[in-house]
Amino acid sequence: MNYVKEIDAFYDQTEVNPLSHSAIALWFAMMNLNAKTGWTEEFKVGGPALCVKSGLGETTFKRARQELKEKGYIIHKSGKPKEIPTYQMVSLQRKEVN
């Protein structure tokens, strides 16, 4: 993924597929974490870490995560209880081309 191109595509996409402020904060936090993993296809991160990184409380975080999933910005796999969730950022750059 190209960070700058994804951010540009994100802003273009939100014009036609708008998000709440909380979902925007969460998306940027997740993009930053995915960049730190070296743009792995999937990455694992716990909810508490995402809450801190995005500045969201637990309930707001869960709503924002659901919004990002429903609108096609991320793929989320919760896994088994006590297991760290897996996330995948959907490339918005590729979405625009299709």
N, C-alpha and C. Protein backbone atom coordinates (compact mmCIF):
# COMPACT_ATOMS: atom_id res chain seq x y z
N MET A 1 0.84 -1.19 0.00
CA MET A 1 0.00 0.00 0.00
C MET A 1 0.88 1.24 0.00
N ASN A 2 0.41 2.24 -0.66
CA ASN A 2 1.07 3.54 -0.64
C ASN A 2 0.26 4.44 0.29
N TYR A 3 0.86 4.80 1.42
CA TYR A 3 0.18 5.55 2.48
C TYR A 3 -0.49 6.82 1.95
N VAL A 4 0.26 7.64 1.24
CA VAL A 4 -0.27 8.92 0.75
C VAL A 4 -1.40 8.70 -0.25
N LYS A 5 -1.23 7.76 -1.16
CA LYS A 5 -2.28 7.48 -2.15
C LYS A 5 -3.53 6.93 -1.48
N GLU A 6 -3.36 6.11 -0.44
CA GLU A 6 -4.52 5.58 0.28
C GLU A 6 -5.27 6.69 1.00
N ILE A 7 -4.54 7.63 1.59
CA ILE A 7 -5.19 8.76 2.27
C ILE A 7 -5.95 9.61 1.26
N ASP A 8 -5.35 9.88 0.12
CA ASP A 8 -6.06 10.64 -0.93
C ASP A 8 -7.32 9.89 -1.36
N ALA A 9 -7.19 8.60 -1.58
CA ALA A 9 -8.34 7.79 -1.99
C ALA A 9 -9.39 7.74 -0.88
N PHE A 10 -8.94 7.72 0.38
CA PHE A 10 -9.86 7.73 1.52
C PHE A 10 -10.73 8.98 1.49
N TYR A 11 -10.11 10.14 1.31
CA TYR A 11 -10.89 11.38 1.27
C TYR A 11 -11.85 11.39 0.08
N ASP A 12 -11.41 10.89 -1.06
CA ASP A 12 -12.30 10.80 -2.23
C ASP A 12 -13.47 9.86 -1.93
N GLN A 13 -13.17 8.72 -1.30
CA GLN A 13 -14.20 7.71 -1.02
C GLN A 13 -15.22 8.23 0.00
N THR A 14 -14.76 8.99 0.99
CA THR A 14 -15.69 9.48 2.01
C THR A 14 -16.66 10.53 1.46
N GLU A 15 -16.35 11.07 0.30
CA GLU A 15 -17.30 12.00 -0.33
C GLU A 15 -18.54 11.26 -0.81
N VAL A 16 -18.39 10.01 -1.22
CA VAL A 16 -19.53 9.23 -1.69
C VAL A 16 -19.97 8.17 -0.69
N ASN A 17 -19.13 7.86 0.26
CA ASN A 17 -19.41 6.85 1.28
C ASN A 17 -18.99 7.44 2.64
N PRO A 18 -19.74 8.44 3.13
CA PRO A 18 -19.32 9.19 4.31
C PRO A 18 -19.22 8.33 5.58
N LEU A 19 -18.38 8.80 6.50
CA LEU A 19 -18.15 8.13 7.77
C LEU A 19 -18.33 9.10 8.93
N SER A 20 -18.62 8.56 10.10
CA SER A 20 -18.67 9.38 11.30
C SER A 20 -17.25 9.81 11.67
N HIS A 21 -17.16 10.80 12.52
CA HIS A 21 -15.84 11.27 12.97
C HIS A 21 -15.09 10.16 13.70
N SER A 22 -15.82 9.35 14.45
CA SER A 22 -15.19 8.25 15.18
C SER A 22 -14.61 7.21 14.23
N ALA A 23 -15.34 6.89 13.18
CA ALA A 23 -14.86 5.92 12.20
C ALA A 23 -13.63 6.46 11.47
N ILE A 24 -13.61 7.75 11.19
CA ILE A 24 -12.45 8.37 10.54
C ILE A 24 -11.23 8.26 11.45
N ALA A 25 -11.40 8.59 12.73
CA ALA A 25 -10.28 8.49 13.68
C ALA A 25 -9.77 7.06 13.77
N LEU A 26 -10.67 6.10 13.80
CA LEU A 26 -10.27 4.69 13.88
C LEU A 26 -9.56 4.25 12.61
N TRP A 27 -10.06 4.66 11.45
CA TRP A 27 -9.42 4.28 10.19
C TRP A 27 -7.97 4.78 10.15
N PHE A 28 -7.75 6.03 10.54
CA PHE A 28 -6.39 6.57 10.54
C PHE A 28 -5.50 5.84 11.54
N ALA A 29 -6.03 5.49 12.71
CA ALA A 29 -5.24 4.74 13.69
C ALA A 29 -4.86 3.37 13.12
N MET A 30 -5.80 2.73 12.45
CA MET A 30 -5.53 1.41 11.88
C MET A 30 -4.55 1.49 10.71
N MET A 31 -4.66 2.53 9.90
CA MET A 31 -3.70 2.71 8.81
C MET A 31 -2.29 2.89 9.36
N ASN A 32 -2.17 3.68 10.43
CA ASN A 32 -0.87 3.89 11.04
C ASN A 32 -0.29 2.59 11.57
N LEU A 33 -1.10 1.80 12.24
CA LEU A 33 -0.62 0.51 12.75
C LEU A 33 -0.26 -0.44 11.62
N ASN A 34 -1.05 -0.45 10.56
CA ASN A 34 -0.75 -1.32 9.42
C ASN A 34 0.56 -0.90 8.76
N ALA A 35 0.81 0.40 8.68
CA ALA A 35 2.07 0.89 8.12
C ALA A 35 3.24 0.40 8.97
N LYS A 36 3.06 0.40 10.29
CA LYS A 36 4.13 -0.05 11.19
C LYS A 36 4.40 -1.55 11.07
N THR A 37 3.43 -2.30 10.56
CA THR A 37 3.64 -3.74 10.35
C THR A 37 4.32 -4.00 9.01
N GLY A 38 4.56 -2.94 8.25
CA GLY A 38 5.17 -3.12 6.93
C GLY A 38 4.14 -3.47 5.87
N TRP A 39 2.90 -3.01 6.09
CA TRP A 39 1.80 -3.23 5.15
C TRP A 39 1.51 -4.72 4.94
N THR A 40 1.53 -5.48 6.03
CA THR A 40 1.14 -6.88 5.92
C THR A 40 -0.32 -6.93 5.50
N GLU A 41 -0.70 -8.00 4.81
CA GLU A 41 -2.08 -8.10 4.35
C GLU A 41 -3.06 -8.09 5.53
N GLU A 42 -2.70 -8.80 6.58
CA GLU A 42 -3.51 -8.83 7.80
C GLU A 42 -2.61 -8.48 8.98
N PHE A 43 -3.18 -7.85 9.99
CA PHE A 43 -2.43 -7.55 11.20
C PHE A 43 -3.33 -7.74 12.40
N LYS A 44 -2.72 -8.08 13.53
CA LYS A 44 -3.46 -8.31 14.77
C LYS A 44 -3.22 -7.15 15.71
N VAL A 45 -4.30 -6.69 16.32
CA VAL A 45 -4.21 -5.63 17.33
C VAL A 45 -5.45 -5.70 18.21
N GLY A 46 -5.23 -5.53 19.49
CA GLY A 46 -6.34 -5.58 20.44
C GLY A 46 -7.16 -4.31 20.45
N GLY A 47 -8.40 -4.46 20.87
CA GLY A 47 -9.30 -3.31 20.97
C GLY A 47 -8.77 -2.21 21.87
N PRO A 48 -8.22 -2.55 23.06
CA PRO A 48 -7.71 -1.48 23.93
C PRO A 48 -6.62 -0.63 23.26
N ALA A 49 -5.76 -1.25 22.49
CA ALA A 49 -4.71 -0.50 21.79
C ALA A 49 -5.33 0.43 20.75
N LEU A 50 -6.34 -0.05 20.04
CA LEU A 50 -7.01 0.79 19.03
C LEU A 50 -7.78 1.93 19.70
N CYS A 51 -8.34 1.67 20.87
CA CYS A 51 -9.04 2.74 21.60
C CYS A 51 -8.07 3.86 21.97
N VAL A 52 -6.92 3.48 22.48
CA VAL A 52 -5.92 4.48 22.87
C VAL A 52 -5.43 5.25 21.65
N LYS A 53 -5.09 4.53 20.60
CA LYS A 53 -4.52 5.14 19.39
C LYS A 53 -5.53 6.09 18.71
N SER A 54 -6.82 5.72 18.74
CA SER A 54 -7.84 6.53 18.07
C SER A 54 -8.49 7.55 18.99
N GLY A 55 -8.28 7.41 20.30
CA GLY A 55 -8.89 8.33 21.25
C GLY A 55 -10.36 8.04 21.50
N LEU A 56 -10.79 6.81 21.21
CA LEU A 56 -12.20 6.45 21.36
C LEU A 56 -12.41 5.58 22.60
N GLY A 57 -13.58 5.72 23.21
CA GLY A 57 -13.98 4.82 24.28
C GLY A 57 -14.39 3.48 23.69
N GLU A 58 -14.54 2.47 24.53
CA GLU A 58 -14.82 1.12 24.04
C GLU A 58 -16.11 1.01 23.23
N THR A 59 -17.19 1.60 23.72
CA THR A 59 -18.47 1.52 23.01
C THR A 59 -18.40 2.25 21.67
N THR A 60 -17.81 3.44 21.68
CA THR A 60 -17.67 4.22 20.44
C THR A 60 -16.76 3.50 19.46
N PHE A 61 -15.69 2.91 19.98
CA PHE A 61 -14.76 2.12 19.14
C PHE A 61 -15.51 0.98 18.44
N LYS A 62 -16.32 0.26 19.18
CA LYS A 62 -17.06 -0.88 18.58
C LYS A 62 -18.03 -0.41 17.50
N ARG A 63 -18.70 0.71 17.75
CA ARG A 63 -19.61 1.25 16.72
C ARG A 63 -18.83 1.70 15.49
N ALA A 64 -17.70 2.36 15.71
CA ALA A 64 -16.88 2.84 14.59
C ALA A 64 -16.33 1.66 13.79
N ARG A 65 -15.88 0.62 14.48
CA ARG A 65 -15.36 -0.57 13.80
C ARG A 65 -16.46 -1.22 12.96
N GLN A 66 -17.66 -1.31 13.51
CA GLN A 66 -18.78 -1.88 12.77
C GLN A 66 -19.11 -1.05 11.53
N GLU A 67 -19.06 0.25 11.68
CA GLU A 67 -19.31 1.16 10.56
C GLU A 67 -18.28 0.95 9.45
N LEU A 68 -17.00 0.86 9.83
CA LEU A 68 -15.95 0.64 8.83
C LEU A 68 -16.14 -0.70 8.13
N LYS A 69 -16.55 -1.71 8.87
CA LYS A 69 -16.80 -3.03 8.26
C LYS A 69 -17.98 -2.96 7.28
N GLU A 70 -19.09 -2.40 7.74
CA GLU A 70 -20.31 -2.36 6.93
C GLU A 70 -20.12 -1.54 5.65
N LYS A 71 -19.30 -0.51 5.72
CA LYS A 71 -19.11 0.36 4.55
C LYS A 71 -17.92 -0.07 3.69
N GLY A 72 -17.28 -1.19 4.05
CA GLY A 72 -16.25 -1.76 3.20
C GLY A 72 -14.86 -1.16 3.32
N TYR A 73 -14.57 -0.50 4.43
CA TYR A 73 -13.26 0.10 4.62
C TYR A 73 -12.25 -0.87 5.24
N ILE A 74 -12.76 -1.85 6.02
CA ILE A 74 -11.89 -2.83 6.67
C ILE A 74 -12.54 -4.21 6.64
N ILE A 75 -11.71 -5.22 6.88
CA ILE A 75 -12.19 -6.58 7.12
C ILE A 75 -11.72 -6.93 8.52
N HIS A 76 -12.63 -7.44 9.34
CA HIS A 76 -12.35 -7.73 10.74
C HIS A 76 -12.72 -9.17 11.04
N LYS A 77 -11.79 -9.89 11.67
CA LYS A 77 -12.05 -11.26 12.12
C LYS A 77 -11.80 -11.30 13.61
N SER A 78 -12.85 -11.56 14.37
CA SER A 78 -12.71 -11.53 15.82
C SER A 78 -12.03 -12.77 16.38
N GLY A 79 -12.16 -13.90 15.73
CA GLY A 79 -11.51 -15.11 16.22
C GLY A 79 -12.18 -15.68 17.45
N LYS A 80 -11.47 -16.52 18.15
CA LYS A 80 -11.99 -17.18 19.35
C LYS A 80 -11.91 -16.22 20.54
N PRO A 81 -12.67 -16.50 21.60
CA PRO A 81 -12.58 -15.67 22.80
C PRO A 81 -11.13 -15.61 23.31
N LYS A 82 -10.75 -14.46 23.81
CA LYS A 82 -9.40 -14.21 24.34
C LYS A 82 -8.33 -14.14 23.25
N GLU A 83 -8.72 -14.22 21.98
CA GLU A 83 -7.77 -14.14 20.87
C GLU A 83 -7.75 -12.71 20.34
N ILE A 84 -6.58 -12.22 19.97
CA ILE A 84 -6.45 -10.87 19.43
C ILE A 84 -7.08 -10.83 18.04
N PRO A 85 -7.95 -9.86 17.77
CA PRO A 85 -8.61 -9.78 16.46
C PRO A 85 -7.62 -9.52 15.32
N THR A 86 -8.02 -9.94 14.15
CA THR A 86 -7.24 -9.73 12.93
C THR A 86 -7.98 -8.71 12.07
N TYR A 87 -7.21 -7.81 11.48
CA TYR A 87 -7.77 -6.77 10.62
C TYR A 87 -7.08 -6.76 9.27
N GLN A 88 -7.82 -6.32 8.28
CA GLN A 88 -7.26 -6.10 6.95
C GLN A 88 -7.81 -4.77 6.45
N MET A 89 -6.93 -3.90 6.00
CA MET A 89 -7.36 -2.63 5.43
C MET A 89 -7.72 -2.87 3.96
N VAL A 90 -8.88 -2.42 3.57
CA VAL A 90 -9.30 -2.54 2.18
C VAL A 90 -8.65 -1.39 1.42
N SER A 91 -7.93 -1.71 0.36
CA SER A 91 -7.28 -0.66 -0.42
C SER A 91 -8.34 0.16 -1.15
N LEU A 92 -8.43 1.40 -0.79
CA LEU A 92 -9.39 2.29 -1.44
C LEU A 92 -8.88 2.77 -2.78
N GLN A 93 -7.58 2.74 -2.93
CA GLN A 93 -6.95 3.09 -4.19
C GLN A 93 -7.44 2.15 -5.29
N ARG A 94 -7.49 0.88 -4.98
CA ARG A 94 -7.95 -0.12 -5.96
C ARG A 94 -9.45 -0.02 -6.18
N LYS A 95 -10.19 0.37 -5.12
CA LYS A 95 -11.63 0.50 -5.23
C LYS A 95 -12.04 1.55 -6.25
N GLU A 96 -11.28 2.65 -6.30
CA GLU A 96 -11.60 3.75 -7.21
C GLU A 96 -11.44 3.35 -8.67
N VAL A 97 -10.47 2.47 -8.93
CA VAL A 97 -10.19 2.07 -10.30
C VAL A 97 -11.32 1.21 -10.86
N ASN A 98 -11.93 0.37 -9.97
CA ASN A 98 -12.98 -0.56 -10.42
C ASN A 98 -14.27 0.12 -10.72
